[in-house]
Amino acid sequence: MNRNYENALRLLETRRRRVRPKTPAVPPSTLQDAAPSSGTQTVKGIPSLVGMKEWLQRLGHSDGDVDNLNIIHVAGTKGKGSTCAFTRSFLHAHGLRTGFPKRIGLYTSPDLQCIRDRIQIDDRPISEDLFTRYFFEVWEKLLSHDLGQKTEPARQPRYLQLLALLAFHTFIRENVDAAIFETHHGGEYDATNVIRAPVVTGITSLGMDHVEQLGPTIENIAWHKAGIFKAGAPALSVPQEAGPTEVLRNRAAEKKTSLTFISTNMSLPVDLKALSVPVQRLNCSLALELTKTFLQHRAPDHTLDSDDISTGVKNFSWTGRFEVIEDGTSLWFLDGAHNILSLEQAAEWFAKNTNARNSRKHRVLIFSHFSEERDGVALVKCLAHTLSEHGAMPDHVIFTTYQERDDGSTRIGK
């Protein structure tokens, strides 16, 4: 097989799990790579963390190599991506002024425009050539086998595990000075939690999502998310409800680290587009403290000044999150909301923006739902209720799917 970008994407697709298995819960004590815990949580199936350390070692990467990435690790339900992007933007602005950090890696999910959105260096997705080179280095050491054979070696990385491994491999090979990792959907047993010594960790807003894997209660979800806490690495969180707050405090004590709750920073600029949505001001506030804490531990003589903050906010960009695109006489309001909490915020944002305009409005809602893990009807009801409550009901609704070919498959070339 030729080592080109399209073939890399085709091979990556073979690792995607089409249907999540309905397997019994496995006690954490039976998991080789799972972090020890005094909790009573169980997980369904084999967690994504299992195998990660072994695979990194087979790629030639030690624990020390991962530690040297100087990682900021972020978990949560809503706002992880925006928080990571704000953090990257602040670090980038500071690096341009002071020389550190020069190179910043960002691993996030899901992707919106292309798979390389998930692995970024220096404020942009890695190139197709770089993706291809490092993908095949990982593939040939961990998964290279005859795809036509009926069986395959045990314990090979699945889709998200493979992408996380590719991110670690890329950032190590490219010698980044700092790396920001967003968890996939959990924390304690997430593939990214192979990170043993982050510089600082952050928890964004918590809500009821991925309940089948992390629930059934918000307290259970908080327990999993706080699994990224590590001894010696300060933990930060936005304010949470009483139940999750208690869980986070207990988990911080268990993990032997400090926990600080970060409220909205009232000194942030008020006239910048990126901060026009209240929840983004909260995400930005958490990112600001993550950045300051990172610099305190990795560059004690550095200070994030007002110009760094202003530049970071102005240069912030996160495609598909509270995004407005002007197209002639049309305005497109784009948001990748995929749970109840996110949909409510997106609908309020849309209503506020469209109701504020004086011209006659003709609203069209285009809604796509493709996750087997979420109740599509409940999401639509939430969206309809919030839009109605704020006087922004659409004139037309278009329902679509993620299937991009007649045979039901999704496109490869991205």
Protein backbone atom coordinates (compact mmCIF):
# COMPACT_ATOMS: atom_id res chain seq x y z
CA MET A 1 0.00 0.00 0.00
CA ASN A 2 1.28 3.45 -0.92
CA ARG A 3 2.06 5.66 2.04
CA ASN A 4 -0.16 8.57 1.05
CA TYR A 5 -2.72 10.71 2.87
CA GLU A 6 -5.83 9.04 1.46
CA ASN A 7 -4.58 5.57 2.39
CA ALA A 8 -3.77 6.81 5.88
CA LEU A 9 -7.39 7.95 6.24
CA ARG A 10 -8.69 4.65 4.89
CA LEU A 11 -6.62 2.68 7.37
CA LEU A 12 -7.72 4.96 10.20
CA GLU A 13 -11.37 4.31 9.30
CA THR A 14 -10.84 0.56 9.73
CA ARG A 15 -10.26 1.18 13.44
CA ARG A 16 -13.60 2.91 13.94
CA ARG A 17 -16.04 0.95 16.07
CA ARG A 18 -19.38 0.95 14.26
CA VAL A 19 -21.48 -0.05 17.25
CA ARG A 20 -20.55 0.42 20.89
CA PRO A 21 -20.66 -3.01 22.56
CA LYS A 22 -23.16 -3.60 25.36
CA THR A 23 -20.77 -5.43 27.64
CA PRO A 24 -21.01 -5.92 31.40
CA ALA A 25 -19.23 -3.54 33.72
CA VAL A 26 -15.64 -4.41 34.59
CA PRO A 27 -14.30 -3.68 38.10
CA PRO A 28 -11.49 -1.08 37.90
CA SER A 29 -9.21 -3.36 39.94
CA THR A 30 -8.94 -5.73 36.96
CA LEU A 31 -7.58 -3.09 34.59
CA GLN A 32 -3.83 -3.17 34.04
CA ASP A 33 -3.35 0.46 33.05
CA ALA A 34 -6.17 2.07 35.02
CA ALA A 35 -5.15 4.49 37.74
CA PRO A 36 -5.83 3.16 41.25
CA SER A 37 -8.76 4.71 43.05
CA SER A 38 -10.62 4.38 46.30
CA GLY A 39 -13.90 5.00 44.50
CA THR A 40 -16.56 2.41 43.78
CA GLN A 41 -17.05 3.25 40.11
CA THR A 42 -17.28 0.64 37.41
CA VAL A 43 -16.75 0.98 33.69
CA LYS A 44 -18.45 -0.74 30.76
CA GLY A 45 -16.21 -2.87 28.59
CA ILE A 46 -12.47 -2.33 28.35
CA PRO A 47 -11.58 1.33 28.96
CA SER A 48 -9.68 3.31 26.36
CA LEU A 49 -6.77 3.78 28.77
CA VAL A 50 -5.91 0.09 28.67
CA GLY A 51 -2.94 -0.50 26.37
CA MET A 52 -1.92 3.13 25.93
CA LYS A 53 1.30 2.97 27.95
CA GLU A 54 2.36 -0.26 26.24
CA TRP A 55 1.67 1.18 22.78
CA LEU A 56 3.63 4.35 23.54
CA GLN A 57 6.56 2.22 24.64
CA ARG A 58 6.38 0.22 21.41
CA LEU A 59 6.58 3.53 19.57
CA GLY A 60 9.77 4.26 21.50
CA HIS A 61 8.28 6.83 23.89
CA SER A 62 8.93 6.65 27.62
CA ASP A 63 6.94 8.21 30.46
CA GLY A 64 9.60 10.91 30.54
CA ASP A 65 9.05 11.72 26.86
CA VAL A 66 5.37 12.34 27.58
CA ASP A 67 6.19 14.35 30.72
CA ASN A 68 8.52 16.57 28.69
CA LEU A 69 5.62 17.68 26.50
CA ASN A 70 4.60 20.01 29.37
CA ILE A 71 0.94 19.07 29.16
CA ILE A 72 -2.19 20.98 30.12
CA HIS A 73 -4.96 18.37 30.47
CA VAL A 74 -8.62 19.41 30.19
CA ALA A 75 -11.82 17.43 30.85
CA GLY A 76 -15.49 18.37 31.19
CA THR A 77 -18.85 18.17 29.44
CA LYS A 78 -19.26 21.58 27.83
CA GLY A 79 -16.57 24.01 26.75
CA LYS A 80 -13.51 21.74 26.60
CA GLY A 81 -12.63 22.68 23.05
CA SER A 82 -13.11 26.41 23.56
CA THR A 83 -11.12 26.34 26.79
CA CYS A 84 -8.27 24.52 25.07
CA ALA A 85 -8.36 26.96 22.15
CA PHE A 86 -8.31 30.00 24.46
CA THR A 87 -5.39 28.45 26.37
CA ARG A 88 -3.50 27.86 23.14
CA SER A 89 -4.19 31.42 22.03
CA PHE A 90 -2.87 32.91 25.29
CA LEU A 91 0.27 30.75 25.19
CA HIS A 92 0.83 31.62 21.54
CA ALA A 93 0.54 35.36 22.21
CA HIS A 94 2.95 35.08 25.14
CA GLY A 95 5.36 32.97 23.10
CA LEU A 96 5.47 35.51 20.30
CA ARG A 97 6.43 38.21 22.79
CA THR A 98 8.89 36.28 24.96
CA GLY A 99 10.08 33.27 22.96
CA PHE A 100 8.43 30.66 25.23
CA PRO A 101 6.63 28.55 24.38
CA LYS A 102 7.77 28.58 20.76
CA ARG A 103 5.79 25.55 19.62
CA ILE A 104 2.42 24.55 21.05
CA GLY A 105 0.61 21.30 20.34
CA LEU A 106 -3.17 20.96 20.63
CA TYR A 107 -5.10 17.69 20.64
CA THR A 108 -8.87 18.04 20.59
CA SER A 109 -12.03 16.42 19.25
CA PRO A 110 -14.20 16.06 17.33
CA ASP A 111 -12.99 17.42 14.01
CA LEU A 112 -15.24 19.67 11.95
CA GLN A 113 -13.52 20.25 8.62
CA CYS A 114 -10.82 17.58 8.44
CA ILE A 115 -9.33 14.92 10.69
CA ARG A 116 -6.17 17.01 11.07
CA ASP A 117 -8.21 19.55 13.07
CA ARG A 118 -7.64 17.20 16.00
CA ILE A 119 -3.85 17.49 15.95
CA GLN A 120 -2.55 21.03 15.65
CA ILE A 121 0.82 22.73 16.05
CA ASP A 122 1.44 26.46 16.02
CA ASP A 123 -2.18 27.51 15.66
CA ARG A 124 -3.02 25.31 12.67
CA PRO A 125 -3.72 21.65 11.83
CA ILE A 126 -0.65 19.64 10.92
CA SER A 127 -0.08 19.28 7.18
CA GLU A 128 -1.23 16.29 5.15
CA ASP A 129 2.40 15.29 4.65
CA LEU A 130 3.16 15.40 8.37
CA PHE A 131 -0.03 13.52 9.22
CA THR A 132 0.81 10.84 6.65
CA ARG A 133 4.42 10.43 7.77
CA TYR A 134 3.64 10.04 11.45
CA PHE A 135 0.48 8.00 10.89
CA PHE A 136 2.38 5.30 9.02
CA GLU A 137 5.15 5.30 11.62
CA VAL A 138 2.50 4.52 14.25
CA TRP A 139 0.53 2.12 12.06
CA GLU A 140 3.50 0.03 11.02
CA LYS A 141 4.68 -0.44 14.59
CA LEU A 142 1.28 -1.15 16.14
CA LEU A 143 -1.21 -2.35 13.55
CA SER A 144 0.51 -3.43 10.36
CA HIS A 145 -1.00 -6.76 9.33
CA ASP A 146 -2.96 -8.30 6.50
CA LEU A 147 -6.33 -6.53 6.57
CA GLY A 148 -7.80 -9.49 4.72
CA GLN A 149 -7.13 -12.01 7.46
CA LYS A 150 -10.05 -13.06 9.64
CA THR A 151 -8.33 -12.49 12.95
CA GLU A 152 -5.95 -9.83 14.16
CA PRO A 153 -3.52 -9.62 17.05
CA ALA A 154 -5.11 -8.91 20.42
CA ARG A 155 -5.24 -5.45 21.93
CA GLN A 156 -4.72 -3.14 19.03
CA PRO A 157 -5.67 0.53 19.35
CA ARG A 158 -9.16 1.53 18.27
CA TYR A 159 -9.99 4.76 16.43
CA LEU A 160 -9.73 7.30 19.26
CA GLN A 161 -6.83 5.50 20.89
CA LEU A 162 -4.96 5.57 17.59
CA LEU A 163 -5.58 9.30 17.17
CA ALA A 164 -4.37 10.01 20.71
CA LEU A 165 -1.25 7.92 20.09
CA LEU A 166 -0.68 9.79 16.84
CA ALA A 167 -0.94 13.10 18.72
CA PHE A 168 1.60 12.03 21.36
CA HIS A 169 3.92 10.69 18.66
CA THR A 170 3.64 13.85 16.56
CA PHE A 171 4.21 16.26 19.43
CA ILE A 172 7.23 14.31 20.69
CA ARG A 173 8.77 14.09 17.22
CA GLU A 174 8.12 17.78 16.57
CA ASN A 175 9.61 18.86 19.92
CA VAL A 176 6.75 21.08 21.05
CA ASP A 177 7.36 23.22 24.14
CA ALA A 178 3.82 22.80 25.46
CA ALA A 179 0.88 20.54 24.63
CA ILE A 180 -2.80 20.90 25.43
CA PHE A 181 -4.81 17.67 25.55
CA GLU A 182 -8.60 17.50 25.63
CA THR A 183 -10.06 14.23 26.89
CA HIS A 184 -12.39 12.32 24.60
CA HIS A 185 -15.40 11.97 26.88
CA GLY A 186 -14.27 10.70 30.25
CA GLY A 187 -11.24 11.20 32.42
CA GLU A 188 -10.15 8.40 34.75
CA TYR A 189 -10.16 5.73 32.03
CA ASP A 190 -9.82 8.00 28.99
CA ALA A 191 -7.05 7.18 26.52
CA THR A 192 -5.45 10.57 27.13
CA ASN A 193 -5.09 9.80 30.85
CA VAL A 194 -1.88 7.95 30.14
CA ILE A 195 -0.47 11.39 31.00
CA ARG A 196 1.08 10.85 34.43
CA ALA A 197 2.53 14.30 35.17
CA PRO A 198 0.62 17.20 33.60
CA VAL A 199 1.65 20.72 34.51
CA VAL A 200 -1.94 21.68 35.34
CA THR A 201 -5.41 20.20 34.82
CA GLY A 202 -8.77 21.85 34.18
CA ILE A 203 -12.43 20.88 34.44
CA THR A 204 -15.02 22.74 32.37
CA SER A 205 -18.79 22.78 32.99
CA LEU A 206 -20.22 19.36 33.86
CA GLY A 207 -23.55 18.00 32.64
CA MET A 208 -25.45 14.82 31.79
CA ASP A 209 -23.71 13.48 28.70
CA HIS A 210 -22.25 10.06 27.85
CA VAL A 211 -24.42 8.81 30.71
CA GLU A 212 -24.30 5.19 29.57
CA GLN A 213 -20.52 5.12 29.97
CA LEU A 214 -20.01 7.62 32.81
CA GLY A 215 -23.34 7.86 34.69
CA PRO A 216 -25.96 7.37 35.84
CA THR A 217 -25.66 10.53 37.98
CA ILE A 218 -23.88 13.86 37.61
CA GLU A 219 -21.77 12.85 40.62
CA ASN A 220 -20.62 9.72 38.76
CA ILE A 221 -19.70 11.87 35.78
CA ALA A 222 -17.75 14.27 38.01
CA TRP A 223 -15.84 11.30 39.48
CA HIS A 224 -14.73 10.19 36.03
CA LYS A 225 -13.79 13.68 34.83
CA ALA A 226 -11.68 14.32 37.94
CA GLY A 227 -9.63 11.26 37.08
CA ILE A 228 -7.23 13.55 35.23
CA PHE A 229 -6.14 15.10 38.55
CA LYS A 230 -2.55 14.18 39.41
CA ALA A 231 -0.41 14.68 42.49
CA GLY A 232 1.66 17.84 42.24
CA ALA A 233 -0.34 19.27 39.33
CA PRO A 234 -2.73 22.05 40.39
CA ALA A 235 -6.35 21.37 39.42
CA LEU A 236 -8.69 24.15 38.31
CA SER A 237 -12.44 24.02 37.65
CA VAL A 238 -15.24 26.37 36.75
CA PRO A 239 -18.00 26.53 39.42
CA GLN A 240 -20.17 23.40 39.49
CA GLU A 241 -23.39 22.30 41.20
CA ALA A 242 -23.16 21.22 44.85
CA GLY A 243 -22.98 17.47 44.20
CA PRO A 244 -20.22 17.55 41.57
CA THR A 245 -18.34 20.16 43.61
CA GLU A 246 -18.12 17.80 46.57
CA VAL A 247 -16.98 14.96 44.33
CA LEU A 248 -14.27 17.10 42.74
CA ARG A 249 -13.01 18.19 46.16
CA ASN A 250 -12.87 14.60 47.38
CA ARG A 251 -11.11 13.45 44.24
CA ALA A 252 -8.54 16.24 44.54
CA ALA A 253 -7.80 15.14 48.11
CA GLU A 254 -7.59 11.52 46.97
CA LYS A 255 -5.19 12.45 44.16
CA LYS A 256 -3.14 14.62 46.55
CA THR A 257 -3.49 17.89 44.68
CA SER A 258 -5.02 21.31 45.21
CA LEU A 259 -8.31 22.33 43.60
CA THR A 260 -9.29 25.92 42.82
CA PHE A 261 -12.64 27.02 41.41
CA ILE A 262 -12.43 29.77 38.79
CA SER A 263 -15.33 32.19 38.30
CA THR A 264 -15.78 34.55 35.36
CA ASN A 265 -12.97 37.10 35.28
CA MET A 266 -14.66 40.49 35.37
CA SER A 267 -11.57 42.25 34.00
CA LEU A 268 -11.79 40.52 30.62
CA PRO A 269 -12.49 42.82 27.66
CA VAL A 270 -16.20 43.47 27.14
CA ASP A 271 -16.17 44.63 23.53
CA LEU A 272 -14.62 41.64 21.79
CA LYS A 273 -16.68 39.28 19.63
CA ALA A 274 -15.09 36.13 21.07
CA LEU A 275 -16.44 37.01 24.53
CA SER A 276 -19.95 38.08 23.53
CA VAL A 277 -21.43 34.81 24.86
CA PRO A 278 -21.44 34.46 28.68
CA VAL A 279 -20.30 30.83 28.65
CA GLN A 280 -17.31 31.77 26.50
CA ARG A 281 -16.30 34.36 29.09
CA LEU A 282 -16.29 31.57 31.66
CA ASN A 283 -14.28 29.25 29.38
CA CYS A 284 -11.85 32.08 28.69
CA SER A 285 -11.48 32.77 32.42
CA LEU A 286 -10.56 29.14 33.08
CA ALA A 287 -8.11 29.18 30.15
CA LEU A 288 -6.51 32.35 31.49
CA GLU A 289 -5.83 30.73 34.87
CA LEU A 290 -4.59 27.52 33.23
CA THR A 291 -2.11 29.60 31.23
CA LYS A 292 -0.93 31.60 34.24
CA THR A 293 -0.47 28.42 36.28
CA PHE A 294 1.43 26.78 33.42
CA LEU A 295 3.84 29.70 33.21
CA GLN A 296 4.32 29.78 36.98
CA HIS A 297 5.48 26.15 36.89
CA ARG A 298 7.42 26.06 33.61
CA ALA A 299 8.68 29.65 33.27
CA PRO A 300 8.56 31.27 36.73
CA ASP A 301 10.19 34.46 35.48
CA HIS A 302 7.46 34.95 32.86
CA THR A 303 4.24 36.89 33.39
CA LEU A 304 1.17 36.89 31.19
CA ASP A 305 0.64 40.61 30.69
CA SER A 306 -2.39 42.59 29.50
CA ASP A 307 -1.15 42.66 25.90
CA ASP A 308 -0.84 38.86 25.88
CA ILE A 309 -4.40 38.57 27.15
CA SER A 310 -5.82 41.10 24.69
CA THR A 311 -3.96 39.53 21.76
CA GLY A 312 -4.99 36.04 22.84
CA VAL A 313 -8.68 36.93 22.93
CA LYS A 314 -8.55 38.85 19.64
CA ASN A 315 -6.82 35.96 17.86
CA PHE A 316 -9.05 33.28 19.37
CA SER A 317 -10.73 31.13 16.75
CA TRP A 318 -12.76 27.96 17.16
CA THR A 319 -14.64 26.94 14.04
CA GLY A 320 -18.23 25.85 14.56
CA ARG A 321 -18.56 27.22 18.08
CA PHE A 322 -20.84 30.26 18.31
CA GLU A 323 -19.69 31.16 14.81
CA VAL A 324 -21.41 33.65 12.50
CA ILE A 325 -20.70 33.64 8.76
CA GLU A 326 -21.97 36.37 6.43
CA ASP A 327 -22.88 35.17 2.94
CA GLY A 328 -24.42 37.93 0.86
CA THR A 329 -27.81 38.67 2.36
CA SER A 330 -27.72 35.54 4.52
CA LEU A 331 -26.29 35.01 7.98
CA TRP A 332 -25.25 31.52 9.06
CA PHE A 333 -25.15 30.77 12.78
CA LEU A 334 -23.04 27.66 13.36
CA ASP A 335 -22.59 25.67 16.54
CA GLY A 336 -21.63 22.05 17.07
CA ALA A 337 -23.85 21.61 20.14
CA HIS A 338 -24.44 17.92 20.82
CA ASN A 339 -25.96 17.71 24.31
CA ILE A 340 -28.81 19.39 26.19
CA LEU A 341 -26.63 21.95 27.98
CA SER A 342 -24.87 22.97 24.77
CA LEU A 343 -28.09 23.16 22.75
CA GLU A 344 -29.76 25.46 25.28
CA GLN A 345 -26.80 27.84 25.16
CA ALA A 346 -26.61 27.73 21.36
CA ALA A 347 -30.34 28.41 21.01
CA GLU A 348 -30.18 31.36 23.42
CA TRP A 349 -27.20 32.76 21.50
CA PHE A 350 -29.06 32.40 18.18
CA ALA A 351 -32.21 34.01 19.55
CA LYS A 352 -30.34 36.94 21.06
CA ASN A 353 -28.49 37.65 17.83
CA THR A 354 -31.46 37.34 15.48
CA ASN A 355 -33.93 39.17 17.72
CA ALA A 356 -31.52 42.11 18.00
CA ARG A 357 -31.65 42.75 14.24
CA ASN A 358 -34.29 45.20 13.02
CA SER A 359 -34.82 43.81 9.54
CA ARG A 360 -37.46 41.18 8.82
CA LYS A 361 -36.11 37.77 9.67
CA HIS A 362 -36.69 34.49 7.88
CA ARG A 363 -35.21 31.74 10.01
CA VAL A 364 -34.26 28.31 8.68
CA LEU A 365 -32.97 25.62 11.04
CA ILE A 366 -30.76 22.86 9.64
CA PHE A 367 -30.41 20.07 12.18
CA SER A 368 -28.19 17.00 11.95
CA HIS A 369 -28.06 14.19 14.49
CA PHE A 370 -25.95 11.08 14.00
CA SER A 371 -24.91 9.78 17.41
CA GLU A 372 -26.29 6.45 18.56
CA GLU A 373 -25.43 7.43 22.14
CA ARG A 374 -27.84 10.36 22.33
CA ASP A 375 -31.62 10.70 22.16
CA GLY A 376 -32.23 12.73 19.01
CA VAL A 377 -35.88 13.39 19.88
CA ALA A 378 -34.90 14.80 23.28
CA LEU A 379 -32.34 17.07 21.63
CA VAL A 380 -34.88 18.41 19.11
CA LYS A 381 -37.44 18.99 21.88
CA CYS A 382 -34.85 20.91 23.90
CA LEU A 383 -33.95 23.03 20.89
CA ALA A 384 -37.60 23.74 20.03
CA HIS A 385 -38.47 24.64 23.62
CA THR A 386 -35.54 27.03 24.02
CA LEU A 387 -36.14 28.75 20.67
CA SER A 388 -39.85 29.14 21.47
CA GLU A 389 -39.09 30.48 24.94
CA HIS A 390 -36.88 33.17 23.43
CA GLY A 391 -39.18 34.04 20.53
CA ALA A 392 -36.94 32.71 17.77
CA MET A 393 -38.85 29.80 16.23
CA PRO A 394 -37.68 28.94 12.69
CA ASP A 395 -39.89 29.35 9.63
CA HIS A 396 -38.53 26.15 8.13
CA VAL A 397 -36.66 23.14 9.50
CA ILE A 398 -34.40 20.87 7.47
CA PHE A 399 -33.37 17.54 8.98
CA THR A 400 -30.25 15.94 7.60
CA THR A 401 -27.84 13.15 8.47
CA TYR A 402 -24.11 12.55 8.50
CA GLN A 403 -24.36 10.02 5.68
CA GLU A 404 -22.63 11.55 2.68
CA ARG A 405 -22.93 8.73 0.18
CA ASP A 406 -25.86 6.75 -1.21
CA ASP A 407 -24.49 3.57 0.36
CA GLY A 408 -24.56 5.18 3.81
CA SER A 409 -20.79 5.53 4.21
CA THR A 410 -19.04 8.77 5.12
CA ARG A 411 -16.46 10.45 2.97
CA ILE A 412 -12.81 9.51 3.35
CA GLY A 413 -10.99 12.42 1.73
CA LYS A 414 -10.84 14.90 4.56
